[in-house]
Amino acid sequence: MTVSEERQCWLRAELDRLEAEWQACEGNHVMARISAFQNSCHVFIGNHRELKRFLAYKVEPSVAAAMWEVTHRERIDHARWEALRLFHNYVASALSLVA
């Protein structure tokens, strides 16, 4: 083995050792928890925004009037199911923040 090859082997071993040390350190674990919390917050805020936008749209006078037409009762069912789906996503994301 040449000096260059020995140096490469030593560098690989040193890099592996430093990687293992980083993986085991408390700072790495804290960073992972912060990242998971940030992801949950992003999902929660997005779900909240989507639910608010949907509900605001459904209460607009022209949309609400069309939704409540007797000849199109399926519109009310669709709005109810969509609101329930969005609310479920919102609550699930909120629970992930406290878990």
N, C-alpha and C. Protein backbone atom coordinates (compact mmCIF):
# COMPACT_ATOMS: atom_id res chain seq x y z
N MET A 1 0.85 -1.17 0.00
CA MET A 1 0.00 0.00 0.00
C MET A 1 0.90 1.24 0.00
N THR A 2 0.57 2.17 -0.85
CA THR A 2 1.38 3.39 -0.94
C THR A 2 0.99 4.36 0.17
N VAL A 3 1.81 5.38 0.33
CA VAL A 3 1.56 6.41 1.34
C VAL A 3 0.22 7.09 1.04
N SER A 4 -0.05 7.34 -0.22
CA SER A 4 -1.30 7.99 -0.62
C SER A 4 -2.51 7.12 -0.27
N GLU A 5 -2.39 5.83 -0.51
CA GLU A 5 -3.49 4.90 -0.18
C GLU A 5 -3.68 4.80 1.33
N GLU A 6 -2.55 4.78 2.06
CA GLU A 6 -2.64 4.75 3.52
C GLU A 6 -3.33 6.02 4.04
N ARG A 7 -2.98 7.13 3.45
CA ARG A 7 -3.58 8.42 3.85
C ARG A 7 -5.09 8.40 3.57
N GLN A 8 -5.49 7.89 2.42
CA GLN A 8 -6.91 7.80 2.07
C GLN A 8 -7.66 6.90 3.04
N CYS A 9 -7.05 5.77 3.40
CA CYS A 9 -7.68 4.86 4.37
C CYS A 9 -7.84 5.54 5.73
N TRP A 10 -6.78 6.23 6.15
CA TRP A 10 -6.84 6.93 7.43
C TRP A 10 -7.92 8.01 7.40
N LEU A 11 -7.98 8.77 6.30
CA LEU A 11 -8.99 9.82 6.17
C LEU A 11 -10.40 9.25 6.18
N ARG A 12 -10.61 8.13 5.50
CA ARG A 12 -11.94 7.48 5.51
C ARG A 12 -12.31 7.05 6.93
N ALA A 13 -11.36 6.45 7.62
CA ALA A 13 -11.61 6.00 9.00
C ALA A 13 -11.90 7.19 9.91
N GLU A 14 -11.14 8.25 9.74
CA GLU A 14 -11.36 9.45 10.55
C GLU A 14 -12.72 10.06 10.26
N LEU A 15 -13.09 10.11 9.00
CA LEU A 15 -14.41 10.64 8.62
C LEU A 15 -15.52 9.78 9.21
N ASP A 16 -15.38 8.47 9.15
CA ASP A 16 -16.37 7.57 9.75
C ASP A 16 -16.48 7.78 11.25
N ARG A 17 -15.32 7.96 11.91
CA ARG A 17 -15.32 8.18 13.36
C ARG A 17 -16.03 9.49 13.71
N LEU A 18 -15.72 10.55 12.95
CA LEU A 18 -16.35 11.85 13.21
C LEU A 18 -17.85 11.80 12.94
N GLU A 19 -18.24 11.09 11.90
CA GLU A 19 -19.68 10.93 11.59
C GLU A 19 -20.39 10.21 12.73
N ALA A 20 -19.80 9.15 13.23
CA ALA A 20 -20.40 8.42 14.36
C ALA A 20 -20.49 9.30 15.60
N GLU A 21 -19.46 10.09 15.83
CA GLU A 21 -19.46 11.00 16.97
C GLU A 21 -20.58 12.03 16.83
N TRP A 22 -20.76 12.58 15.64
CA TRP A 22 -21.81 13.56 15.39
C TRP A 22 -23.19 12.93 15.57
N GLN A 23 -23.37 11.73 15.05
CA GLN A 23 -24.66 11.04 15.18
C GLN A 23 -25.01 10.78 16.65
N ALA A 24 -24.00 10.55 17.47
CA ALA A 24 -24.24 10.24 18.88
C ALA A 24 -24.40 11.47 19.76
N CYS A 25 -24.01 12.64 19.28
CA CYS A 25 -24.01 13.81 20.16
C CYS A 25 -25.42 14.37 20.37
N GLU A 26 -25.61 15.00 21.51
CA GLU A 26 -26.91 15.57 21.89
C GLU A 26 -27.35 16.66 20.92
N GLY A 27 -26.41 17.45 20.42
CA GLY A 27 -26.75 18.52 19.48
C GLY A 27 -27.42 18.00 18.24
N ASN A 28 -26.97 16.86 17.75
CA ASN A 28 -27.58 16.25 16.57
C ASN A 28 -29.03 15.85 16.86
N HIS A 29 -29.25 15.31 18.04
CA HIS A 29 -30.61 14.90 18.43
C HIS A 29 -31.52 16.12 18.58
N VAL A 30 -31.02 17.18 19.15
CA VAL A 30 -31.80 18.42 19.29
C VAL A 30 -32.14 18.97 17.92
N MET A 31 -31.16 18.99 17.01
CA MET A 31 -31.40 19.49 15.65
C MET A 31 -32.47 18.66 14.95
N ALA A 32 -32.46 17.35 15.14
CA ALA A 32 -33.45 16.48 14.52
C ALA A 32 -34.85 16.78 15.08
N ARG A 33 -34.94 17.02 16.39
CA ARG A 33 -36.25 17.34 16.99
C ARG A 33 -36.75 18.70 16.51
N ILE A 34 -35.84 19.67 16.40
CA ILE A 34 -36.23 20.99 15.90
C ILE A 34 -36.74 20.88 14.47
N SER A 35 -36.06 20.11 13.66
CA SER A 35 -36.46 19.94 12.26
C SER A 35 -37.84 19.29 12.17
N ALA A 36 -38.08 18.27 12.98
CA ALA A 36 -39.39 17.60 12.98
C ALA A 36 -40.48 18.57 13.42
N PHE A 37 -40.19 19.38 14.43
CA PHE A 37 -41.16 20.36 14.91
C PHE A 37 -41.45 21.41 13.83
N GLN A 38 -40.41 21.87 13.14
CA GLN A 38 -40.61 22.83 12.05
C GLN A 38 -41.49 22.24 10.96
N ASN A 39 -41.25 20.99 10.62
CA ASN A 39 -42.08 20.34 9.60
C ASN A 39 -43.53 20.26 10.04
N SER A 40 -43.76 19.89 11.29
CA SER A 40 -45.13 19.81 11.81
C SER A 40 -45.80 21.17 11.79
N CYS A 41 -45.07 22.21 12.18
CA CYS A 41 -45.62 23.57 12.15
C CYS A 41 -46.01 23.98 10.74
N HIS A 42 -45.16 23.66 9.79
CA HIS A 42 -45.45 24.00 8.40
C HIS A 42 -46.74 23.33 7.93
N VAL A 43 -46.90 22.05 8.24
CA VAL A 43 -48.11 21.32 7.86
C VAL A 43 -49.32 21.91 8.57
N PHE A 44 -49.20 22.18 9.87
CA PHE A 44 -50.30 22.74 10.66
C PHE A 44 -50.75 24.08 10.07
N ILE A 45 -49.81 24.96 9.79
CA ILE A 45 -50.15 26.28 9.25
C ILE A 45 -50.79 26.14 7.87
N GLY A 46 -50.26 25.27 7.04
CA GLY A 46 -50.85 25.04 5.72
C GLY A 46 -52.26 24.49 5.80
N ASN A 47 -52.49 23.53 6.70
CA ASN A 47 -53.83 22.96 6.86
C ASN A 47 -54.81 24.01 7.39
N HIS A 48 -54.35 24.84 8.32
CA HIS A 48 -55.20 25.90 8.86
C HIS A 48 -55.58 26.89 7.76
N ARG A 49 -54.61 27.29 6.95
CA ARG A 49 -54.84 28.24 5.86
C ARG A 49 -55.83 27.65 4.84
N GLU A 50 -55.65 26.38 4.50
CA GLU A 50 -56.53 25.73 3.52
C GLU A 50 -57.97 25.62 4.05
N LEU A 51 -58.13 25.28 5.31
CA LEU A 51 -59.46 25.20 5.90
C LEU A 51 -60.13 26.57 5.93
N LYS A 52 -59.40 27.60 6.34
CA LYS A 52 -59.97 28.95 6.37
C LYS A 52 -60.38 29.41 4.97
N ARG A 53 -59.54 29.14 3.99
CA ARG A 53 -59.82 29.55 2.62
C ARG A 53 -61.09 28.85 2.10
N PHE A 54 -61.21 27.56 2.37
CA PHE A 54 -62.39 26.80 1.93
C PHE A 54 -63.66 27.34 2.58
N LEU A 55 -63.61 27.56 3.89
CA LEU A 55 -64.80 28.06 4.59
C LEU A 55 -65.16 29.48 4.14
N ALA A 56 -64.16 30.32 3.92
CA ALA A 56 -64.43 31.68 3.44
C ALA A 56 -65.08 31.65 2.06
N TYR A 57 -64.63 30.74 1.22
CA TYR A 57 -65.22 30.62 -0.12
C TYR A 57 -66.67 30.16 -0.03
N LYS A 58 -66.94 29.18 0.83
CA LYS A 58 -68.29 28.62 0.92
C LYS A 58 -69.31 29.59 1.51
N VAL A 59 -68.88 30.61 2.24
CA VAL A 59 -69.84 31.57 2.80
C VAL A 59 -70.04 32.79 1.90
N GLU A 60 -69.32 32.85 0.78
CA GLU A 60 -69.58 33.94 -0.17
C GLU A 60 -71.03 33.81 -0.64
N PRO A 61 -71.76 34.92 -0.72
CA PRO A 61 -73.19 34.85 -1.04
C PRO A 61 -73.53 34.05 -2.29
N SER A 62 -72.82 34.24 -3.38
CA SER A 62 -73.16 33.52 -4.61
C SER A 62 -72.88 32.02 -4.48
N VAL A 63 -71.82 31.67 -3.78
CA VAL A 63 -71.48 30.26 -3.59
C VAL A 63 -72.44 29.61 -2.62
N ALA A 64 -72.74 30.29 -1.54
CA ALA A 64 -73.66 29.74 -0.53
C ALA A 64 -75.05 29.54 -1.12
N ALA A 65 -75.51 30.50 -1.91
CA ALA A 65 -76.84 30.38 -2.52
C ALA A 65 -76.90 29.18 -3.45
N ALA A 66 -75.88 29.00 -4.27
CA ALA A 66 -75.86 27.86 -5.20
C ALA A 66 -75.75 26.54 -4.44
N MET A 67 -75.03 26.55 -3.34
CA MET A 67 -74.83 25.33 -2.57
C MET A 67 -76.15 24.86 -1.93
N TRP A 68 -77.00 25.80 -1.55
CA TRP A 68 -78.23 25.45 -0.84
C TRP A 68 -79.42 25.25 -1.76
N GLU A 69 -79.23 25.26 -3.08
CA GLU A 69 -80.35 25.02 -3.99
C GLU A 69 -80.91 23.62 -3.75
N VAL A 70 -82.23 23.55 -3.68
CA VAL A 70 -82.90 22.27 -3.39
C VAL A 70 -82.62 21.24 -4.47
N THR A 71 -82.47 21.68 -5.72
CA THR A 71 -82.25 20.74 -6.82
C THR A 71 -80.82 20.18 -6.86
N HIS A 72 -79.92 20.74 -6.03
CA HIS A 72 -78.53 20.28 -6.00
C HIS A 72 -78.06 20.02 -4.57
N ARG A 73 -78.77 19.14 -3.89
CA ARG A 73 -78.43 18.85 -2.49
C ARG A 73 -77.05 18.21 -2.34
N GLU A 74 -76.54 17.59 -3.43
CA GLU A 74 -75.22 16.96 -3.34
C GLU A 74 -74.12 17.99 -3.08
N ARG A 75 -74.38 19.24 -3.43
CA ARG A 75 -73.39 20.30 -3.18
C ARG A 75 -73.16 20.51 -1.69
N ILE A 76 -74.24 20.44 -0.93
CA ILE A 76 -74.14 20.60 0.53
C ILE A 76 -73.37 19.41 1.11
N ASP A 77 -73.69 18.21 0.61
CA ASP A 77 -72.97 17.02 1.09
C ASP A 77 -71.48 17.12 0.76
N HIS A 78 -71.17 17.54 -0.45
CA HIS A 78 -69.77 17.68 -0.84
C HIS A 78 -69.06 18.71 0.04
N ALA A 79 -69.69 19.83 0.29
CA ALA A 79 -69.09 20.88 1.12
C ALA A 79 -68.88 20.37 2.55
N ARG A 80 -69.81 19.63 3.06
CA ARG A 80 -69.71 19.09 4.42
C ARG A 80 -68.55 18.10 4.51
N TRP A 81 -68.47 17.19 3.53
CA TRP A 81 -67.39 16.20 3.55
C TRP A 81 -66.02 16.86 3.36
N GLU A 82 -65.95 17.85 2.50
CA GLU A 82 -64.68 18.54 2.28
C GLU A 82 -64.26 19.31 3.53
N ALA A 83 -65.21 19.97 4.18
CA ALA A 83 -64.90 20.69 5.42
C ALA A 83 -64.44 19.71 6.50
N LEU A 84 -65.08 18.57 6.57
CA LEU A 84 -64.70 17.56 7.56
C LEU A 84 -63.29 17.03 7.28
N ARG A 85 -62.98 16.79 6.01
CA ARG A 85 -61.65 16.31 5.63
C ARG A 85 -60.58 17.34 6.01
N LEU A 86 -60.83 18.59 5.67
CA LEU A 86 -59.87 19.65 5.97
C LEU A 86 -59.72 19.85 7.48
N PHE A 87 -60.84 19.77 8.21
CA PHE A 87 -60.78 19.91 9.66
C PHE A 87 -59.98 18.76 10.28
N HIS A 88 -60.21 17.55 9.77
CA HIS A 88 -59.47 16.39 10.26
C HIS A 88 -57.96 16.59 10.04
N ASN A 89 -57.56 17.05 8.86
CA ASN A 89 -56.15 17.31 8.58
C ASN A 89 -55.60 18.35 9.55
N TYR A 90 -56.38 19.38 9.80
CA TYR A 90 -55.97 20.47 10.69
C TYR A 90 -55.75 19.93 12.11
N VAL A 91 -56.70 19.16 12.60
CA VAL A 91 -56.60 18.61 13.96
C VAL A 91 -55.44 17.63 14.06
N ALA A 92 -55.30 16.78 13.05
CA ALA A 92 -54.21 15.79 13.07
C ALA A 92 -52.86 16.49 13.10
N SER A 93 -52.73 17.57 12.34
CA SER A 93 -51.45 18.28 12.34
C SER A 93 -51.24 19.00 13.68
N ALA A 94 -52.32 19.48 14.29
CA ALA A 94 -52.19 20.11 15.61
C ALA A 94 -51.74 19.09 16.65
N LEU A 95 -52.29 17.90 16.58
CA LEU A 95 -51.90 16.86 17.53
C LEU A 95 -50.45 16.45 17.35
N SER A 96 -49.96 16.49 16.11
CA SER A 96 -48.56 16.12 15.89
C SER A 96 -47.61 17.12 16.53
N LEU A 97 -48.08 18.35 16.74
CA LEU A 97 -47.23 19.37 17.37
C LEU A 97 -47.03 19.09 18.86
N VAL A 98 -48.03 18.47 19.48
CA VAL A 98 -47.94 18.25 20.92
C VAL A 98 -47.45 16.84 21.25
N ALA A 99 -47.31 16.00 20.23
CA ALA A 99 -46.87 14.61 20.47
C ALA A 99 -45.38 14.54 20.67
